[in-house]
Amino acid sequence: MPCSSPERELLTFWLAGSLDAGEAERVARHVAMCDSCRSDAANGRTGASSSKDYERCT
């Protein structure tokens, strides 16, 4: 079952290494306990299902 925790929303940023230390630790603890997020992190997947899920910044 897909994860719906707030940490799931930060998975992309955690994988990119762009979170501050506190947020990174929080996501790391979540990933250690959540099979869905751990699997997605191991496979390099993120919360967005495709590029259309991201808003373009200009």
C-alpha atoms as a PDB file:
ATOM      1  CA  MET A   1       0.000   0.000   0.000  1.00  0.00           C
ATOM      2  CA  PRO A   2       1.394   3.443  -0.898  1.00  0.00           C
ATOM      3  CA  CYS A   3       2.462   5.632   1.991  1.00  0.00           C
ATOM      4  CA  SER A   4       0.524   8.808   2.786  1.00  0.00           C
ATOM      5  CA  SER A   5       2.740  10.242   5.540  1.00  0.00           C
ATOM      6  CA  PRO A   6       4.087  13.809   5.408  1.00  0.00           C
ATOM      7  CA  GLU A   7       7.607  12.396   5.125  1.00  0.00           C
ATOM      8  CA  ARG A   8       6.631  10.797   1.806  1.00  0.00           C
ATOM      9  CA  GLU A   9       6.292  14.290   0.346  1.00  0.00           C
ATOM     10  CA  LEU A  10       9.913  14.997   1.306  1.00  0.00           C
ATOM     11  CA  LEU A  11      11.347  11.812  -0.212  1.00  0.00           C
ATOM     12  CA  THR A  12      12.392  13.549  -3.450  1.00  0.00           C
ATOM     13  CA  PHE A  13      14.318  16.198  -1.538  1.00  0.00           C
ATOM     14  CA  TRP A  14      15.844  13.610   0.818  1.00  0.00           C
ATOM     15  CA  LEU A  15      17.122  11.573  -2.124  1.00  0.00           C
ATOM     16  CA  ALA A  16      18.609  14.758  -3.622  1.00  0.00           C
ATOM     17  CA  GLY A  17      20.283  15.669  -0.320  1.00  0.00           C
ATOM     18  CA  SER A  18      18.582  19.050  -0.192  1.00  0.00           C
ATOM     19  CA  LEU A  19      16.888  18.854   3.224  1.00  0.00           C
ATOM     20  CA  ASP A  20      18.240  20.476   6.351  1.00  0.00           C
ATOM     21  CA  ALA A  21      19.694  18.122   8.946  1.00  0.00           C
ATOM     22  CA  GLY A  22      16.517  17.875  11.027  1.00  0.00           C
ATOM     23  CA  GLU A  23      14.246  17.116   8.099  1.00  0.00           C
ATOM     24  CA  ALA A  24      16.743  14.640   6.657  1.00  0.00           C
ATOM     25  CA  GLU A  25      16.886  12.764   9.969  1.00  0.00           C
ATOM     26  CA  ARG A  26      13.082  12.693  10.196  1.00  0.00           C
ATOM     27  CA  VAL A  27      12.764  11.268   6.667  1.00  0.00           C
ATOM     28  CA  ALA A  28      15.582   8.771   7.294  1.00  0.00           C
ATOM     29  CA  ARG A  29      13.786   7.474  10.403  1.00  0.00           C
ATOM     30  CA  HIS A  30      10.547   7.171   8.440  1.00  0.00           C
ATOM     31  CA  VAL A  31      12.219   5.344   5.537  1.00  0.00           C
ATOM     32  CA  ALA A  32      13.766   2.903   8.016  1.00  0.00           C
ATOM     33  CA  MET A  33      10.275   1.979   9.271  1.00  0.00           C
ATOM     34  CA  CYS A  34       8.174   2.252   6.086  1.00  0.00           C
ATOM     35  CA  ASP A  35       8.425  -0.593   3.561  1.00  0.00           C
ATOM     36  CA  SER A  36       6.824   1.466   0.779  1.00  0.00           C
ATOM     37  CA  CYS A  37       9.127   4.477   1.137  1.00  0.00           C
ATOM     38  CA  ARG A  38      12.186   2.279   1.686  1.00  0.00           C
ATOM     39  CA  SER A  39      11.441   0.420  -1.551  1.00  0.00           C
ATOM     40  CA  ASP A  40      10.872   3.645  -3.469  1.00  0.00           C
ATOM     41  CA  ALA A  41      14.062   5.185  -2.081  1.00  0.00           C
ATOM     42  CA  ALA A  42      16.080   2.098  -2.988  1.00  0.00           C
ATOM     43  CA  ASN A  43      14.740   2.270  -6.524  1.00  0.00           C
ATOM     44  CA  GLY A  44      15.212   6.040  -6.819  1.00  0.00           C
ATOM     45  CA  ARG A  45      11.485   6.661  -7.076  1.00  0.00           C
ATOM     46  CA  THR A  46       9.832   9.704  -5.580  1.00  0.00           C
ATOM     47  CA  GLY A  47       6.400  10.936  -4.582  1.00  0.00           C
ATOM     48  CA  ALA A  48       5.569  12.304  -8.020  1.00  0.00           C
ATOM     49  CA  SER A  49       4.352   9.773 -10.527  1.00  0.00           C
ATOM     50  CA  SER A  50       5.523  11.737 -13.551  1.00  0.00           C
ATOM     51  CA  SER A  51       7.027  15.048 -14.585  1.00  0.00           C
ATOM     52  CA  LYS A  52       3.539  16.517 -15.030  1.00  0.00           C
ATOM     53  CA  ASP A  53       3.158  16.339 -11.230  1.00  0.00           C
ATOM     54  CA  TYR A  54       5.754  19.101 -10.886  1.00  0.00           C
ATOM     55  CA  GLU A  55       4.945  22.745 -11.431  1.00  0.00           C
ATOM     56  CA  ARG A  56       7.373  24.516 -13.742  1.00  0.00           C
ATOM     57  CA  CYS A  57       9.308  27.338 -12.080  1.00  0.00           C
ATOM     58  CA  THR A  58      10.363  30.317 -14.162  1.00  0.00           C
END
